[in-house]
Amino acid sequence: MARLLSLHKAAGELATTMPDIIAHPEAARALERDVVRMMVRCLTEGIAPEPDHHRHDRALSMRRFEQALKENTDESLNV
């Protein structure tokens, strides 16, 4: 979570101090991809507070989502 927050802060600072860089589609896509990947890691590597019989289904869904991100690196995906 700390890494996600750090990335989010850096993205905000970049947008404030150098908006011309973040305006480039490639840079925006790369930043978006990094933020989404970090969010996925936060969701999949966290510890469940209680046993959850649906956890396996969510983990499978997250693995499929990560695979879709890897397969579509040059496309903008809407979540």
PDB file of N, CA and C in Angstrom:
ATOM      1  N   MET A   1       0.830  -1.188   0.000  1.00  0.00           N
ATOM      2  CA  MET A   1       0.000   0.000   0.000  1.00  0.00           C
ATOM      3  C   MET A   1       0.873   1.250   0.000  1.00  0.00           C
ATOM      4  N   ALA A   2       1.982   1.192   0.719  1.00  0.00           N
ATOM      5  CA  ALA A   2       2.890   2.350   0.756  1.00  0.00           C
ATOM      6  C   ALA A   2       3.423   2.660  -0.637  1.00  0.00           C
ATOM      7  N   ARG A   3       3.720   1.614  -1.415  1.00  0.00           N
ATOM      8  CA  ARG A   3       4.225   1.842  -2.771  1.00  0.00           C
ATOM      9  C   ARG A   3       3.153   2.468  -3.654  1.00  0.00           C
ATOM     10  N   LEU A   4       1.904   2.033  -3.490  1.00  0.00           N
ATOM     11  CA  LEU A   4       0.799   2.620  -4.257  1.00  0.00           C
ATOM     12  C   LEU A   4       0.634   4.087  -3.899  1.00  0.00           C
ATOM     13  N   LEU A   5       0.657   4.386  -2.617  1.00  0.00           N
ATOM     14  CA  LEU A   5       0.521   5.784  -2.189  1.00  0.00           C
ATOM     15  C   LEU A   5       1.667   6.644  -2.703  1.00  0.00           C
ATOM     16  N   SER A   6       2.866   6.086  -2.684  1.00  0.00           N
ATOM     17  CA  SER A   6       4.033   6.812  -3.190  1.00  0.00           C
ATOM     18  C   SER A   6       3.900   7.084  -4.691  1.00  0.00           C
ATOM     19  N   LEU A   7       3.461   6.076  -5.429  1.00  0.00           N
ATOM     20  CA  LEU A   7       3.262   6.241  -6.870  1.00  0.00           C
ATOM     21  C   LEU A   7       2.177   7.272  -7.150  1.00  0.00           C
ATOM     22  N   HIS A   8       1.103   7.215  -6.393  1.00  0.00           N
ATOM     23  CA  HIS A   8       0.008   8.177  -6.558  1.00  0.00           C
ATOM     24  C   HIS A   8       0.497   9.597  -6.286  1.00  0.00           C
ATOM     25  N   LYS A   9       1.284   9.765  -5.230  1.00  0.00           N
ATOM     26  CA  LYS A   9       1.832  11.089  -4.899  1.00  0.00           C
ATOM     27  C   LYS A   9       2.742  11.592  -6.015  1.00  0.00           C
ATOM     28  N   ALA A  10       3.601  10.708  -6.520  1.00  0.00           N
ATOM     29  CA  ALA A  10       4.513  11.099  -7.602  1.00  0.00           C
ATOM     30  C   ALA A  10       3.737  11.491  -8.854  1.00  0.00           C
ATOM     31  N   ALA A  11       2.676  10.766  -9.155  1.00  0.00           N
ATOM     32  CA  ALA A  11       1.849  11.091 -10.327  1.00  0.00           C
ATOM     33  C   ALA A  11       1.200  12.465 -10.160  1.00  0.00           C
ATOM     34  N   GLY A  12       0.708  12.745  -8.965  1.00  0.00           N
ATOM     35  CA  GLY A  12       0.113  14.056  -8.697  1.00  0.00           C
ATOM     36  C   GLY A  12       1.122  15.181  -8.836  1.00  0.00           C
ATOM     37  N   GLU A  13       2.321  14.952  -8.315  1.00  0.00           N
ATOM     38  CA  GLU A  13       3.377  15.962  -8.433  1.00  0.00           C
ATOM     39  C   GLU A  13       3.787  16.173  -9.883  1.00  0.00           C
ATOM     40  N   LEU A  14       3.863  15.091 -10.629  1.00  0.00           N
ATOM     41  CA  LEU A  14       4.201  15.191 -12.048  1.00  0.00           C
ATOM     42  C   LEU A  14       3.145  15.991 -12.797  1.00  0.00           C
ATOM     43  N   ALA A  15       1.886  15.701 -12.515  1.00  0.00           N
ATOM     44  CA  ALA A  15       0.797  16.422 -13.178  1.00  0.00           C
ATOM     45  C   ALA A  15       0.816  17.908 -12.834  1.00  0.00           C
ATOM     46  N   THR A  16       1.227  18.229 -11.625  1.00  0.00           N
ATOM     47  CA  THR A  16       1.268  19.624 -11.187  1.00  0.00           C
ATOM     48  C   THR A  16       2.483  20.360 -11.728  1.00  0.00           C
ATOM     49  N   THR A  17       3.652  19.713 -11.661  1.00  0.00           N
ATOM     50  CA  THR A  17       4.888  20.408 -12.009  1.00  0.00           C
ATOM     51  C   THR A  17       5.266  20.305 -13.483  1.00  0.00           C
ATOM     52  N   MET A  18       4.871  19.207 -14.130  1.00  0.00           N
ATOM     53  CA  MET A  18       5.230  19.006 -15.542  1.00  0.00           C
ATOM     54  C   MET A  18       4.040  18.442 -16.336  1.00  0.00           C
ATOM     55  N   PRO A  19       2.971  19.219 -16.444  1.00  0.00           N
ATOM     56  CA  PRO A  19       1.769  18.711 -17.116  1.00  0.00           C
ATOM     57  C   PRO A  19       1.995  18.342 -18.579  1.00  0.00           C
ATOM     58  N   ASP A  20       3.003  18.933 -19.220  1.00  0.00           N
ATOM     59  CA  ASP A  20       3.265  18.614 -20.619  1.00  0.00           C
ATOM     60  C   ASP A  20       3.737  17.172 -20.789  1.00  0.00           C
ATOM     61  N   ILE A  21       4.436  16.642 -19.802  1.00  0.00           N
ATOM     62  CA  ILE A  21       4.898  15.252 -19.886  1.00  0.00           C
ATOM     63  C   ILE A  21       3.721  14.302 -19.751  1.00  0.00           C
ATOM     64  N   ILE A  22       2.889  14.536 -18.772  1.00  0.00           N
ATOM     65  CA  ILE A  22       1.769  13.628 -18.524  1.00  0.00           C
ATOM     66  C   ILE A  22       0.694  13.745 -19.608  1.00  0.00           C
ATOM     67  N   ALA A  23       0.772  14.791 -20.407  1.00  0.00           N
ATOM     68  CA  ALA A  23      -0.181  14.955 -21.504  1.00  0.00           C
ATOM     69  C   ALA A  23       0.116  14.029 -22.677  1.00  0.00           C
ATOM     70  N   HIS A  24       1.323  13.498 -22.740  1.00  0.00           N
ATOM     71  CA  HIS A  24       1.663  12.552 -23.807  1.00  0.00           C
ATOM     72  C   HIS A  24       0.927  11.243 -23.578  1.00  0.00           C
ATOM     73  N   PRO A  25       0.233  10.735 -24.583  1.00  0.00           N
ATOM     74  CA  PRO A  25      -0.541   9.502 -24.417  1.00  0.00           C
ATOM     75  C   PRO A  25       0.286   8.320 -23.909  1.00  0.00           C
ATOM     76  N   GLU A  26       1.520   8.196 -24.394  1.00  0.00           N
ATOM     77  CA  GLU A  26       2.356   7.072 -23.960  1.00  0.00           C
ATOM     78  C   GLU A  26       2.682   7.174 -22.478  1.00  0.00           C
ATOM     79  N   ALA A  27       3.014   8.364 -22.028  1.00  0.00           N
ATOM     80  CA  ALA A  27       3.346   8.565 -20.617  1.00  0.00           C
ATOM     81  C   ALA A  27       2.118   8.340 -19.738  1.00  0.00           C
ATOM     82  N   ALA A  28       0.986   8.847 -20.175  1.00  0.00           N
ATOM     83  CA  ALA A  28      -0.246   8.669 -19.401  1.00  0.00           C
ATOM     84  C   ALA A  28      -0.617   7.192 -19.308  1.00  0.00           C
ATOM     85  N   ARG A  29      -0.488   6.456 -20.426  1.00  0.00           N
ATOM     86  CA  ARG A  29      -0.799   5.024 -20.413  1.00  0.00           C
ATOM     87  C   ARG A  29       0.149   4.253 -19.503  1.00  0.00           C
ATOM     88  N   ALA A  30       1.428   4.587 -19.570  1.00  0.00           N
ATOM     89  CA  ALA A  30       2.408   3.901 -18.724  1.00  0.00           C
ATOM     90  C   ALA A  30       2.124   4.162 -17.248  1.00  0.00           C
ATOM     91  N   LEU A  31       1.806   5.393 -16.909  1.00  0.00           N
ATOM     92  CA  LEU A  31       1.496   5.731 -15.532  1.00  0.00           C
ATOM     93  C   LEU A  31       0.224   5.014 -15.082  1.00  0.00           C
ATOM     94  N   GLU A  32      -0.782   5.026 -15.931  1.00  0.00           N
ATOM     95  CA  GLU A  32      -2.034   4.341 -15.607  1.00  0.00           C
ATOM     96  C   GLU A  32      -1.793   2.850 -15.396  1.00  0.00           C
ATOM     97  N   ARG A  33      -1.004   2.247 -16.271  1.00  0.00           N
ATOM     98  CA  ARG A  33      -0.700   0.815 -16.161  1.00  0.00           C
ATOM     99  C   ARG A  33       0.013   0.515 -14.844  1.00  0.00           C
ATOM    100  N   ASP A  34       0.966   1.362 -14.472  1.00  0.00           N
ATOM    101  CA  ASP A  34       1.691   1.151 -13.222  1.00  0.00           C
ATOM    102  C   ASP A  34       0.778   1.274 -12.010  1.00  0.00           C
ATOM    103  N   VAL A  35      -0.103   2.264 -12.029  1.00  0.00           N
ATOM    104  CA  VAL A  35      -1.034   2.456 -10.911  1.00  0.00           C
ATOM    105  C   VAL A  35      -1.978   1.263 -10.810  1.00  0.00           C
ATOM    106  N   VAL A  36      -2.512   0.816 -11.937  1.00  0.00           N
ATOM    107  CA  VAL A  36      -3.428  -0.333 -11.922  1.00  0.00           C
ATOM    108  C   VAL A  36      -2.712  -1.583 -11.424  1.00  0.00           C
ATOM    109  N   ARG A  37      -1.498  -1.821 -11.900  1.00  0.00           N
ATOM    110  CA  ARG A  37      -0.744  -2.997 -11.435  1.00  0.00           C
ATOM    111  C   ARG A  37      -0.493  -2.939  -9.937  1.00  0.00           C
ATOM    112  N   MET A  38      -0.166  -1.756  -9.436  1.00  0.00           N
ATOM    113  CA  MET A  38       0.073  -1.628  -8.002  1.00  0.00           C
ATOM    114  C   MET A  38      -1.217  -1.849  -7.222  1.00  0.00           C
ATOM    115  N   MET A  39      -2.336  -1.384  -7.754  1.00  0.00           N
ATOM    116  CA  MET A  39      -3.623  -1.626  -7.109  1.00  0.00           C
ATOM    117  C   MET A  39      -3.930  -3.121  -7.077  1.00  0.00           C
ATOM    118  N   VAL A  40      -3.652  -3.793  -8.183  1.00  0.00           N
ATOM    119  CA  VAL A  40      -3.885  -5.239  -8.239  1.00  0.00           C
ATOM    120  C   VAL A  40      -3.031  -5.941  -7.202  1.00  0.00           C
ATOM    121  N   ARG A  41      -1.773  -5.544  -7.085  1.00  0.00           N
ATOM    122  CA  ARG A  41      -0.897  -6.153  -6.073  1.00  0.00           C
ATOM    123  C   ARG A  41      -1.438  -5.920  -4.671  1.00  0.00           C
ATOM    124  N   CYS A  42      -1.937  -4.731  -4.412  1.00  0.00           N
ATOM    125  CA  CYS A  42      -2.505  -4.452  -3.085  1.00  0.00           C
ATOM    126  C   CYS A  42      -3.701  -5.356  -2.813  1.00  0.00           C
ATOM    127  N   LEU A  43      -4.512  -5.575  -3.817  1.00  0.00           N
ATOM    128  CA  LEU A  43      -5.698  -6.402  -3.639  1.00  0.00           C
ATOM    129  C   LEU A  43      -5.383  -7.885  -3.539  1.00  0.00           C
ATOM    130  N   THR A  44      -4.378  -8.344  -4.250  1.00  0.00           N
ATOM    131  CA  THR A  44      -4.101  -9.778  -4.273  1.00  0.00           C
ATOM    132  C   THR A  44      -3.108 -10.221  -3.218  1.00  0.00           C
ATOM    133  N   GLU A  45      -2.269  -9.337  -2.728  1.00  0.00           N
ATOM    134  CA  GLU A  45      -1.255  -9.728  -1.756  1.00  0.00           C
ATOM    135  C   GLU A  45      -1.647  -9.389  -0.330  1.00  0.00           C
ATOM    136  N   GLY A  46      -2.802  -8.784  -0.156  1.00  0.00           N
ATOM    137  CA  GLY A  46      -3.251  -8.450   1.189  1.00  0.00           C
ATOM    138  C   GLY A  46      -3.710  -9.692   1.938  1.00  0.00           C
ATOM    139  N   ILE A  47      -3.888  -9.537   3.226  1.00  0.00           N
ATOM    140  CA  ILE A  47      -4.341 -10.644   4.066  1.00  0.00           C
ATOM    141  C   ILE A  47      -5.823 -10.465   4.330  1.00  0.00           C
ATOM    142  N   ALA A  48      -6.596 -11.496   4.077  1.00  0.00           N
ATOM    143  CA  ALA A  48      -8.037 -11.453   4.328  1.00  0.00           C
ATOM    144  C   ALA A  48      -8.285 -11.449   5.836  1.00  0.00           C
ATOM    145  N   PRO A  49      -9.182 -10.608   6.318  1.00  0.00           N
ATOM    146  CA  PRO A  49      -9.425 -10.535   7.759  1.00  0.00           C
ATOM    147  C   PRO A  49     -10.039 -11.802   8.341  1.00  0.00           C
ATOM    148  N   GLU A  50     -10.817 -12.531   7.564  1.00  0.00           N
ATOM    149  CA  GLU A  50     -11.449 -13.767   8.003  1.00  0.00           C
ATOM    150  C   GLU A  50     -11.401 -14.755   6.855  1.00  0.00           C
ATOM    151  N   PRO A  51     -11.532 -16.041   7.164  1.00  0.00           N
ATOM    152  CA  PRO A  51     -11.634 -17.004   6.060  1.00  0.00           C
ATOM    153  C   PRO A  51     -12.807 -16.637   5.162  1.00  0.00           C
ATOM    154  N   ASP A  52     -12.590 -16.754   3.887  1.00  0.00           N
ATOM    155  CA  ASP A  52     -13.597 -16.323   2.914  1.00  0.00           C
ATOM    156  C   ASP A  52     -13.678 -17.366   1.813  1.00  0.00           C
ATOM    157  N   HIS A  53     -14.807 -18.029   1.684  1.00  0.00           N
ATOM    158  CA  HIS A  53     -14.935 -19.079   0.672  1.00  0.00           C
ATOM    159  C   HIS A  53     -14.970 -18.527  -0.751  1.00  0.00           C
ATOM    160  N   HIS A  54     -15.133 -17.234  -0.912  1.00  0.00           N
ATOM    161  CA  HIS A  54     -15.137 -16.622  -2.249  1.00  0.00           C
ATOM    162  C   HIS A  54     -13.746 -16.114  -2.636  1.00  0.00           C
ATOM    163  N   ARG A  55     -12.791 -16.197  -1.710  1.00  0.00           N
ATOM    164  CA  ARG A  55     -11.449 -15.680  -1.962  1.00  0.00           C
ATOM    165  C   ARG A  55     -10.809 -16.323  -3.189  1.00  0.00           C
ATOM    166  N   HIS A  56     -10.982 -17.627  -3.350  1.00  0.00           N
ATOM    167  CA  HIS A  56     -10.397 -18.323  -4.502  1.00  0.00           C
ATOM    168  C   HIS A  56     -10.952 -17.752  -5.804  1.00  0.00           C
ATOM    169  N   ASP A  57     -12.246 -17.501  -5.850  1.00  0.00           N
ATOM    170  CA  ASP A  57     -12.856 -16.937  -7.058  1.00  0.00           C
ATOM    171  C   ASP A  57     -12.302 -15.557  -7.363  1.00  0.00           C
ATOM    172  N   ARG A  58     -12.105 -14.744  -6.326  1.00  0.00           N
ATOM    173  CA  ARG A  58     -11.556 -13.398  -6.539  1.00  0.00           C
ATOM    174  C   ARG A  58     -10.105 -13.474  -6.985  1.00  0.00           C
ATOM    175  N   ALA A  59      -9.347 -14.391  -6.397  1.00  0.00           N
ATOM    176  CA  ALA A  59      -7.941 -14.528  -6.790  1.00  0.00           C
ATOM    177  C   ALA A  59      -7.848 -14.951  -8.248  1.00  0.00           C
ATOM    178  N   LEU A  60      -8.705 -15.864  -8.674  1.00  0.00           N
ATOM    179  CA  LEU A  60      -8.727 -16.290 -10.079  1.00  0.00           C
ATOM    180  C   LEU A  60      -9.095 -15.109 -10.981  1.00  0.00           C
ATOM    181  N   SER A  61     -10.072 -14.319 -10.570  1.00  0.00           N
ATOM    182  CA  SER A  61     -10.462 -13.145 -11.353  1.00  0.00           C
ATOM    183  C   SER A  61      -9.315 -12.154 -11.458  1.00  0.00           C
ATOM    184  N   MET A  62      -8.590 -11.944 -10.364  1.00  0.00           N
ATOM    185  CA  MET A  62      -7.476 -11.009 -10.389  1.00  0.00           C
ATOM    186  C   MET A  62      -6.348 -11.524 -11.276  1.00  0.00           C
ATOM    187  N   ARG A  63      -6.087 -12.833 -11.254  1.00  0.00           N
ATOM    188  CA  ARG A  63      -5.061 -13.379 -12.149  1.00  0.00           C
ATOM    189  C   ARG A  63      -5.469 -13.178 -13.604  1.00  0.00           C
ATOM    190  N   ARG A  64      -6.736 -13.378 -13.906  1.00  0.00           N
ATOM    191  CA  ARG A  64      -7.216 -13.147 -15.280  1.00  0.00           C
ATOM    192  C   ARG A  64      -7.082 -11.678 -15.659  1.00  0.00           C
ATOM    193  N   PHE A  65      -7.387 -10.787 -14.715  1.00  0.00           N
ATOM    194  CA  PHE A  65      -7.264  -9.348 -14.960  1.00  0.00           C
ATOM    195  C   PHE A  65      -5.805  -8.984 -15.230  1.00  0.00           C
ATOM    196  N   GLU A  66      -4.884  -9.505 -14.406  1.00  0.00           N
ATOM    197  CA  GLU A  66      -3.469  -9.238 -14.628  1.00  0.00           C
ATOM    198  C   GLU A  66      -3.020  -9.752 -15.985  1.00  0.00           C
ATOM    199  N   GLN A  67      -3.501 -10.929 -16.382  1.00  0.00           N
ATOM    200  CA  GLN A  67      -3.143 -11.483 -17.683  1.00  0.00           C
ATOM    201  C   GLN A  67      -3.656 -10.578 -18.808  1.00  0.00           C
ATOM    202  N   ALA A  68      -4.866 -10.061 -18.659  1.00  0.00           N
ATOM    203  CA  ALA A  68      -5.417  -9.150 -19.669  1.00  0.00           C
ATOM    204  C   ALA A  68      -4.555  -7.891 -19.777  1.00  0.00           C
ATOM    205  N   LEU A  69      -4.057  -7.391 -18.641  1.00  0.00           N
ATOM    206  CA  LEU A  69      -3.182  -6.219 -18.671  1.00  0.00           C
ATOM    207  C   LEU A  69      -1.896  -6.529 -19.425  1.00  0.00           C
ATOM    208  N   LYS A  70      -1.327  -7.697 -19.159  1.00  0.00           N
ATOM    209  CA  LYS A  70      -0.087  -8.078 -19.838  1.00  0.00           C
ATOM    210  C   LYS A  70      -0.291  -8.240 -21.340  1.00  0.00           C
ATOM    211  N   GLU A  71      -1.424  -8.785 -21.730  1.00  0.00           N
ATOM    212  CA  GLU A  71      -1.690  -9.045 -23.143  1.00  0.00           C
ATOM    213  C   GLU A  71      -2.078  -7.781 -23.909  1.00  0.00           C
ATOM    214  N   ASN A  72      -2.464  -6.731 -23.233  1.00  0.00           N
ATOM    215  CA  ASN A  72      -2.936  -5.510 -23.890  1.00  0.00           C
ATOM    216  C   ASN A  72      -2.131  -4.296 -23.452  1.00  0.00           C
ATOM    217  N   THR A  73      -0.801  -4.426 -23.472  1.00  0.00           N
ATOM    218  CA  THR A  73       0.032  -3.336 -22.985  1.00  0.00           C
ATOM    219  C   THR A  73      -0.038  -2.081 -23.822  1.00  0.00           C
ATOM    220  N   ASP A  74      -0.376  -2.218 -25.100  1.00  0.00           N
ATOM    221  CA  ASP A  74      -0.423  -1.041 -25.953  1.00  0.00           C
ATOM    222  C   ASP A  74      -1.844  -0.534 -26.193  1.00  0.00           C
ATOM    223  N   GLU A  75      -2.786  -1.021 -25.366  1.00  0.00           N
ATOM    224  CA  GLU A  75      -4.163  -0.551 -25.466  1.00  0.00           C
ATOM    225  C   GLU A  75      -4.555   0.106 -24.157  1.00  0.00           C
ATOM    226  N   SER A  76      -5.455   1.050 -24.245  1.00  0.00           N
ATOM    227  CA  SER A  76      -6.009   1.666 -23.046  1.00  0.00           C
ATOM    228  C   SER A  76      -7.185   0.823 -22.592  1.00  0.00           C
ATOM    229  N   LEU A  77      -7.127   0.325 -21.370  1.00  0.00           N
ATOM    230  CA  LEU A  77      -8.217  -0.485 -20.832  1.00  0.00           C
ATOM    231  C   LEU A  77      -9.021   0.348 -19.850  1.00  0.00           C
ATOM    232  N   ASN A  78     -10.305   0.297 -19.969  1.00  0.00           N
ATOM    233  CA  ASN A  78     -11.180   1.006 -19.039  1.00  0.00           C
ATOM    234  C   ASN A  78     -11.623   0.051 -17.945  1.00  0.00           C
ATOM    235  N   VAL A  79     -11.531   0.502 -16.727  1.00  0.00           N
ATOM    236  CA  VAL A  79     -11.921  -0.334 -15.595  1.00  0.00           C
ATOM    237  C   VAL A  79     -13.222   0.208 -15.029  1.00  0.00           C
TER     238      VAL A  79
END
